[in-house]
Amino acid sequence: MLKRIIAIALVLLFVFGALAGCGKDKDSGGIPIGSDTDDSENQNEQKLTAPNGESIILPKTITSVVTVSPAAENIFDELGFSSKVKASYGVDENCTDAIISAKPDVVIYDIGASIDTDAIKAADIIAIELPLCKSMADVKKHISFIGNMMGIRTEEKVKSITDALNVMQLSTSTIKKVSVYFELGYDSETDKYMTIAPYSYIYEVLSSAGGESIFGVDSGYEGFISVSADEILAANPAVIFTLGSADDIKSREGWDSIAAVKNEQVYEIEDISPSFVAVDAAQSMHEVLSLILFGEDTENK
């Protein structure tokens, strides 16, 4: 079944920031704006377009990286470059001084990260932002960019993600999907719950797994959103997935009227950051939803 979350703060802060504002497979990736040998006078540099569209010049060989992004940390690991990552921080950590002291070639950070990018750039460290992923296509672009930056091709790695999601999507394409509330977190200041709607990569992942967010195309919502408890109760989801505590959800006053709670269909997701782990999360959700859709565990068929 699903594992208990061990790193909720990292993923939540990535989402909150958005709301506020191995192999040695060879893959082309990134979005090169010129070859390594074009007009550049310095053959030790490479020109790329960062995921946020910014044109950047990088060392041709990257020897050290700091990540302020759970997704980037996972991508470097899956691509076989964990040894190049000098340090990894959560997006809520004010690690600016530590980054400057480490003097990496590059720091890669999630939107909303608590770092002073101006100070980092002033220290001659290249800072690259990973913008919000509205789809799994954006996630794949991030993977390809990091692969390209590190000098490898990632077509096979990216294809493995596409294939895995397609297999799950195909198995549920002809039947009605299960209504799901996916809880990213709770904001006590606004008394709102963070969840997903169309134009978020988690919405796409959930759909591939056989679920449909209770805030779908007819809801008027898009992306990562804040909703009230009344909206969730009114939608009456059949299943709840959470990055927090299932016990917390089941013990909330009034939530015992929700079908998912009444039927013990509340599950914890360990991680769903926009990286390779999103596929792992999809497979975990698919395993749960298949029991409802087909009455059996499709992985053991």
Protein backbone atom coordinates (compact mmCIF):
# COMPACT_ATOMS: atom_id res chain seq x y z
CA MET A 1 0.00 0.00 0.00
CA LEU A 2 1.01 3.56 0.22
CA LYS A 3 3.96 4.71 2.30
CA ARG A 4 3.71 7.35 5.02
CA ILE A 5 4.99 10.72 3.94
CA ILE A 6 8.51 11.62 5.05
CA ALA A 7 9.08 14.92 3.29
CA ILE A 8 5.76 16.79 3.12
CA ALA A 9 7.20 20.20 3.92
CA LEU A 10 9.38 20.20 0.81
CA VAL A 11 6.55 19.50 -1.61
CA LEU A 12 4.05 21.76 0.13
CA LEU A 13 6.38 24.73 0.08
CA PHE A 14 6.91 24.19 -3.62
CA VAL A 15 3.14 24.40 -4.10
CA PHE A 16 2.73 27.33 -1.71
CA GLY A 17 5.37 29.22 -3.65
CA ALA A 18 3.43 28.55 -6.84
CA LEU A 19 0.22 29.78 -5.28
CA ALA A 20 2.00 32.95 -4.19
CA GLY A 21 3.65 33.77 -7.21
CA CYS A 22 21.09 5.36 -14.07
CA GLY A 23 22.16 5.24 -16.05
CA LYS A 24 24.19 7.20 -18.43
CA ASP A 25 21.50 7.07 -21.08
CA LYS A 26 22.20 9.60 -23.74
CA ASP A 27 19.46 12.26 -24.28
CA SER A 28 19.41 15.66 -25.97
CA GLY A 29 17.36 17.59 -23.65
CA GLY A 30 17.44 21.11 -22.55
CA ILE A 31 16.66 23.72 -25.10
CA PRO A 32 19.98 24.57 -26.68
CA ILE A 33 20.15 27.97 -28.37
CA GLY A 34 23.33 27.09 -30.19
CA SER A 35 25.81 24.28 -30.44
CA ASP A 36 28.81 24.04 -28.15
CA THR A 37 31.02 24.97 -31.05
CA ASP A 38 29.14 27.79 -32.68
CA ASP A 39 30.28 31.40 -32.44
CA SER A 40 31.30 31.22 -28.78
CA GLU A 41 34.87 32.39 -28.28
CA ASN A 42 35.18 30.22 -25.20
CA GLN A 43 35.02 26.55 -26.11
CA ASN A 44 34.64 25.73 -22.40
CA GLU A 45 31.15 27.24 -22.34
CA GLN A 46 27.75 26.06 -23.49
CA LYS A 47 24.72 28.18 -24.32
CA LEU A 48 21.32 26.91 -23.18
CA THR A 49 17.83 28.18 -22.57
CA ALA A 50 16.77 27.59 -18.97
CA PRO A 51 13.35 26.09 -18.19
CA ASN A 52 12.00 29.58 -17.39
CA GLY A 53 13.05 30.81 -20.84
CA GLU A 54 16.15 32.71 -19.72
CA SER A 55 19.23 32.44 -21.96
CA ILE A 56 22.21 31.29 -19.92
CA ILE A 57 25.87 30.49 -20.44
CA LEU A 58 27.18 27.54 -18.44
CA PRO A 59 30.54 25.81 -18.09
CA LYS A 60 30.72 23.06 -20.67
CA THR A 61 31.55 20.64 -17.86
CA ILE A 62 29.52 21.00 -14.67
CA THR A 63 31.51 19.71 -11.69
CA SER A 64 29.35 20.81 -8.76
CA VAL A 65 25.69 21.60 -8.17
CA VAL A 66 23.51 22.65 -5.24
CA THR A 67 19.78 21.89 -5.40
CA VAL A 68 17.06 23.79 -3.58
CA SER A 69 14.46 21.54 -5.15
CA PRO A 70 13.37 18.02 -4.23
CA ALA A 71 12.55 17.46 -7.90
CA ALA A 72 16.00 18.48 -9.13
CA GLU A 73 17.66 16.34 -6.47
CA ASN A 74 15.71 13.31 -7.68
CA ILE A 75 16.48 14.05 -11.33
CA PHE A 76 20.23 14.31 -10.72
CA ASP A 77 20.11 11.04 -8.81
CA GLU A 78 18.10 9.19 -11.49
CA LEU A 79 20.41 10.46 -14.24
CA GLY A 80 23.45 9.19 -12.37
CA PHE A 81 24.85 12.51 -11.18
CA SER A 82 24.26 12.37 -7.43
CA SER A 83 28.02 12.68 -6.91
CA LYS A 84 27.93 16.12 -8.56
CA VAL A 85 25.38 17.44 -6.05
CA LYS A 86 27.39 19.08 -3.25
CA ALA A 87 24.33 19.83 -1.12
CA SER A 88 20.54 19.68 -1.26
CA TYR A 89 18.16 21.96 0.64
CA GLY A 90 14.43 22.26 1.08
CA VAL A 91 12.67 25.20 -0.52
CA ASP A 92 11.87 26.59 2.93
CA GLU A 93 15.51 26.76 4.02
CA ASN A 94 17.27 30.12 3.89
CA CYS A 95 20.49 28.56 2.67
CA THR A 96 21.91 31.50 0.71
CA ASP A 97 25.09 31.79 2.79
CA ALA A 98 25.70 28.04 2.66
CA ILE A 99 25.33 28.07 -1.13
CA ILE A 100 27.77 30.97 -1.52
CA SER A 101 30.27 29.22 0.76
CA ALA A 102 29.98 25.98 -1.24
CA LYS A 103 30.79 27.84 -4.49
CA PRO A 104 29.05 25.40 -6.85
CA ASP A 105 29.03 25.90 -10.60
CA VAL A 106 25.23 26.00 -10.53
CA VAL A 107 22.37 26.20 -8.05
CA ILE A 108 18.99 24.92 -9.23
CA TYR A 109 15.96 26.01 -7.25
CA ASP A 110 12.17 25.71 -7.25
CA ILE A 111 9.96 28.71 -7.68
CA GLY A 112 9.20 30.05 -4.20
CA ALA A 113 12.52 28.92 -2.71
CA SER A 114 13.69 30.97 0.29
CA ILE A 115 17.01 32.06 -1.19
CA ASP A 116 18.50 35.38 -2.25
CA THR A 117 19.22 34.80 -5.93
CA ASP A 118 20.70 38.27 -6.37
CA ALA A 119 23.34 37.55 -3.71
CA ILE A 120 24.06 34.16 -5.24
CA LYS A 121 24.51 35.62 -8.71
CA ALA A 122 26.68 38.41 -7.28
CA ALA A 123 28.97 35.65 -6.01
CA ASP A 124 29.39 34.47 -9.64
CA ILE A 125 27.24 31.39 -9.11
CA ILE A 126 24.75 30.55 -11.85
CA ALA A 127 21.20 30.32 -10.44
CA ILE A 128 18.59 28.46 -12.48
CA GLU A 129 14.89 28.51 -11.55
CA LEU A 130 12.61 25.55 -12.19
CA PRO A 131 9.18 27.08 -12.87
CA LEU A 132 5.85 25.55 -11.94
CA CYS A 133 4.97 22.41 -13.91
CA LYS A 134 1.53 22.67 -15.48
CA SER A 135 1.84 19.26 -17.10
CA MET A 136 4.05 16.19 -17.26
CA ALA A 137 5.44 17.68 -20.48
CA ASP A 138 6.96 20.41 -18.30
CA VAL A 139 8.41 17.77 -15.97
CA LYS A 140 10.03 16.04 -18.94
CA LYS A 141 11.50 19.36 -20.11
CA HIS A 142 13.13 19.82 -16.71
CA ILE A 143 14.63 16.33 -16.93
CA SER A 144 15.87 16.97 -20.46
CA PHE A 145 17.35 20.33 -19.51
CA ILE A 146 19.33 18.88 -16.61
CA GLY A 147 20.54 16.02 -18.80
CA ASN A 148 21.61 18.44 -21.52
CA MET A 149 23.34 20.67 -18.96
CA MET A 150 25.29 17.65 -17.71
CA GLY A 151 26.19 16.54 -21.24
CA ILE A 152 24.01 13.45 -21.65
CA ARG A 153 20.97 12.49 -23.65
CA THR A 154 17.79 11.53 -21.83
CA GLU A 155 15.36 10.33 -24.49
CA GLU A 156 15.13 6.84 -23.03
CA LYS A 157 14.55 8.13 -19.51
CA VAL A 158 11.83 10.51 -20.71
CA LYS A 159 10.25 7.77 -22.82
CA SER A 160 10.06 5.50 -19.78
CA ILE A 161 7.90 8.10 -18.04
CA THR A 162 5.62 8.47 -21.05
CA ASP A 163 5.28 4.70 -21.45
CA ALA A 164 4.46 4.11 -17.77
CA LEU A 165 1.75 6.78 -17.73
CA ASN A 166 0.33 5.60 -21.05
CA VAL A 167 -0.03 2.02 -19.80
CA MET A 168 -2.04 3.19 -16.80
CA GLN A 169 -4.08 5.64 -18.87
CA LEU A 170 -4.97 2.95 -21.41
CA SER A 171 -6.21 0.56 -18.73
CA THR A 172 -8.82 3.08 -17.52
CA SER A 173 -9.58 4.96 -20.74
CA THR A 174 -12.98 3.34 -21.39
CA ILE A 175 -14.46 3.52 -17.90
CA LYS A 176 -15.62 6.27 -15.57
CA LYS A 177 -12.78 7.44 -13.37
CA VAL A 178 -12.97 7.52 -9.57
CA SER A 179 -13.69 10.90 -7.95
CA VAL A 180 -10.66 11.95 -5.90
CA TYR A 181 -9.72 14.74 -3.55
CA PHE A 182 -5.93 15.17 -3.53
CA GLU A 183 -4.83 17.16 -0.50
CA LEU A 184 -1.52 18.98 -0.78
CA GLY A 185 -1.86 20.69 2.58
CA TYR A 186 -3.80 23.03 4.83
CA ASP A 187 -3.25 26.77 5.32
CA SER A 188 -4.34 27.65 8.85
CA GLU A 189 -4.10 31.39 8.16
CA THR A 190 -6.77 31.28 5.46
CA ASP A 191 -8.55 28.12 6.66
CA LYS A 192 -8.16 26.77 3.14
CA TYR A 193 -7.07 23.41 1.77
CA MET A 194 -4.52 23.11 -1.05
CA THR A 195 -5.45 20.79 -3.90
CA ILE A 196 -5.31 20.39 -7.67
CA ALA A 197 -7.31 21.32 -10.74
CA PRO A 198 -6.65 21.13 -14.51
CA TYR A 199 -3.33 22.55 -15.72
CA SER A 200 -1.26 21.04 -12.95
CA TYR A 201 1.02 18.07 -13.50
CA ILE A 202 -0.51 16.22 -10.52
CA TYR A 203 -3.95 16.49 -12.13
CA GLU A 204 -2.53 14.78 -15.21
CA VAL A 205 -0.79 12.10 -13.14
CA LEU A 206 -3.99 11.39 -11.20
CA SER A 207 -5.96 11.07 -14.44
CA SER A 208 -3.45 8.56 -15.80
CA ALA A 209 -3.83 6.55 -12.59
CA GLY A 210 -7.61 6.29 -13.03
CA GLY A 211 -8.78 9.16 -10.85
CA GLU A 212 -10.50 12.46 -11.52
CA SER A 213 -10.06 15.44 -9.26
CA ILE A 214 -13.30 16.68 -7.70
CA PHE A 215 -12.19 20.07 -9.00
CA GLY A 216 -12.18 19.18 -12.69
CA VAL A 217 -12.74 20.98 -15.96
CA ASP A 218 -16.22 22.16 -14.94
CA SER A 219 -15.09 23.59 -11.60
CA GLY A 220 -13.71 26.84 -13.00
CA TYR A 221 -10.43 26.19 -11.17
CA GLU A 222 -7.00 25.79 -12.73
CA GLY A 223 -3.61 24.69 -11.43
CA PHE A 224 -2.79 24.45 -7.73
CA ILE A 225 -5.71 25.90 -5.82
CA SER A 226 -7.08 26.78 -2.36
CA VAL A 227 -10.59 25.59 -1.48
CA SER A 228 -12.86 25.51 1.56
CA ALA A 229 -13.87 22.46 3.57
CA ASP A 230 -17.47 23.02 2.47
CA GLU A 231 -16.47 22.64 -1.17
CA ILE A 232 -14.74 19.34 -0.44
CA LEU A 233 -17.64 18.03 1.64
CA ALA A 234 -20.12 18.98 -1.09
CA ALA A 235 -18.08 17.16 -3.74
CA ASN A 236 -18.08 13.95 -1.63
CA PRO A 237 -15.01 12.24 -3.16
CA ALA A 238 -14.84 8.45 -3.27
CA VAL A 239 -11.10 8.46 -2.52
CA ILE A 240 -8.75 10.87 -0.78
CA PHE A 241 -5.00 10.99 -1.37
CA THR A 242 -2.92 13.20 0.89
CA LEU A 243 0.65 14.34 1.33
CA GLY A 244 -0.13 14.64 5.03
CA SER A 245 -1.73 12.35 7.58
CA ALA A 246 -4.65 10.08 6.71
CA ASP A 247 -5.54 9.86 10.39
CA ASP A 248 -5.76 13.65 10.57
CA ILE A 249 -8.22 13.76 7.69
CA LYS A 250 -10.35 10.95 9.11
CA SER A 251 -10.57 12.68 12.49
CA ARG A 252 -11.71 16.10 11.18
CA GLU A 253 -15.07 17.24 12.40
CA GLY A 254 -17.77 16.66 9.80
CA TRP A 255 -15.52 14.83 7.38
CA ASP A 256 -16.95 11.47 8.40
CA SER A 257 -19.82 12.26 6.02
CA ILE A 258 -17.48 11.98 3.03
CA ALA A 259 -17.69 8.65 1.19
CA ALA A 260 -13.90 8.27 1.17
CA VAL A 261 -13.75 8.58 4.95
CA LYS A 262 -16.81 6.38 5.60
CA ASN A 263 -15.38 3.65 3.36
CA GLU A 264 -11.79 3.88 4.68
CA GLN A 265 -10.49 5.09 1.31
CA VAL A 266 -8.00 7.70 2.57
CA TYR A 267 -4.36 7.11 1.59
CA GLU A 268 -1.03 8.81 2.13
CA ILE A 269 1.31 9.61 -0.76
CA GLU A 270 4.97 9.83 0.19
CA ASP A 271 6.11 12.22 -2.52
CA ILE A 272 4.88 13.54 -5.83
CA SER A 273 7.44 16.21 -6.68
CA PRO A 274 7.72 16.99 -10.43
CA SER A 275 10.37 14.41 -11.27
CA PHE A 276 10.67 10.65 -11.69
CA VAL A 277 8.90 10.13 -8.36
CA ALA A 278 5.67 11.45 -9.90
CA VAL A 279 5.47 8.17 -11.82
CA ASP A 280 5.99 6.20 -8.61
CA ALA A 281 3.11 8.15 -7.07
CA ALA A 282 0.94 7.47 -10.13
CA GLN A 283 1.60 3.75 -9.84
CA SER A 284 0.70 3.78 -6.14
CA MET A 285 -2.54 5.62 -6.86
CA HIS A 286 -3.31 3.32 -9.78
CA GLU A 287 -2.93 0.31 -7.50
CA VAL A 288 -5.54 1.75 -5.11
CA LEU A 289 -7.93 2.93 -7.80
CA SER A 290 -7.75 -0.36 -9.72
CA LEU A 291 -9.20 -2.16 -6.72
CA ILE A 292 -12.22 0.13 -6.97
CA LEU A 293 -12.49 0.16 -10.76
CA PHE A 294 -11.85 -3.51 -11.39
CA GLY A 295 -12.21 -5.16 -8.01
CA GLU A 296 -8.70 -6.57 -8.22
CA ASP A 297 -5.05 -5.57 -8.09
CA THR A 298 -4.05 -5.15 -11.73
CA GLU A 299 -0.36 -5.58 -10.88
CA ASN A 300 -1.06 -9.16 -9.78
CA LYS A 301 -3.30 -10.13 -12.64
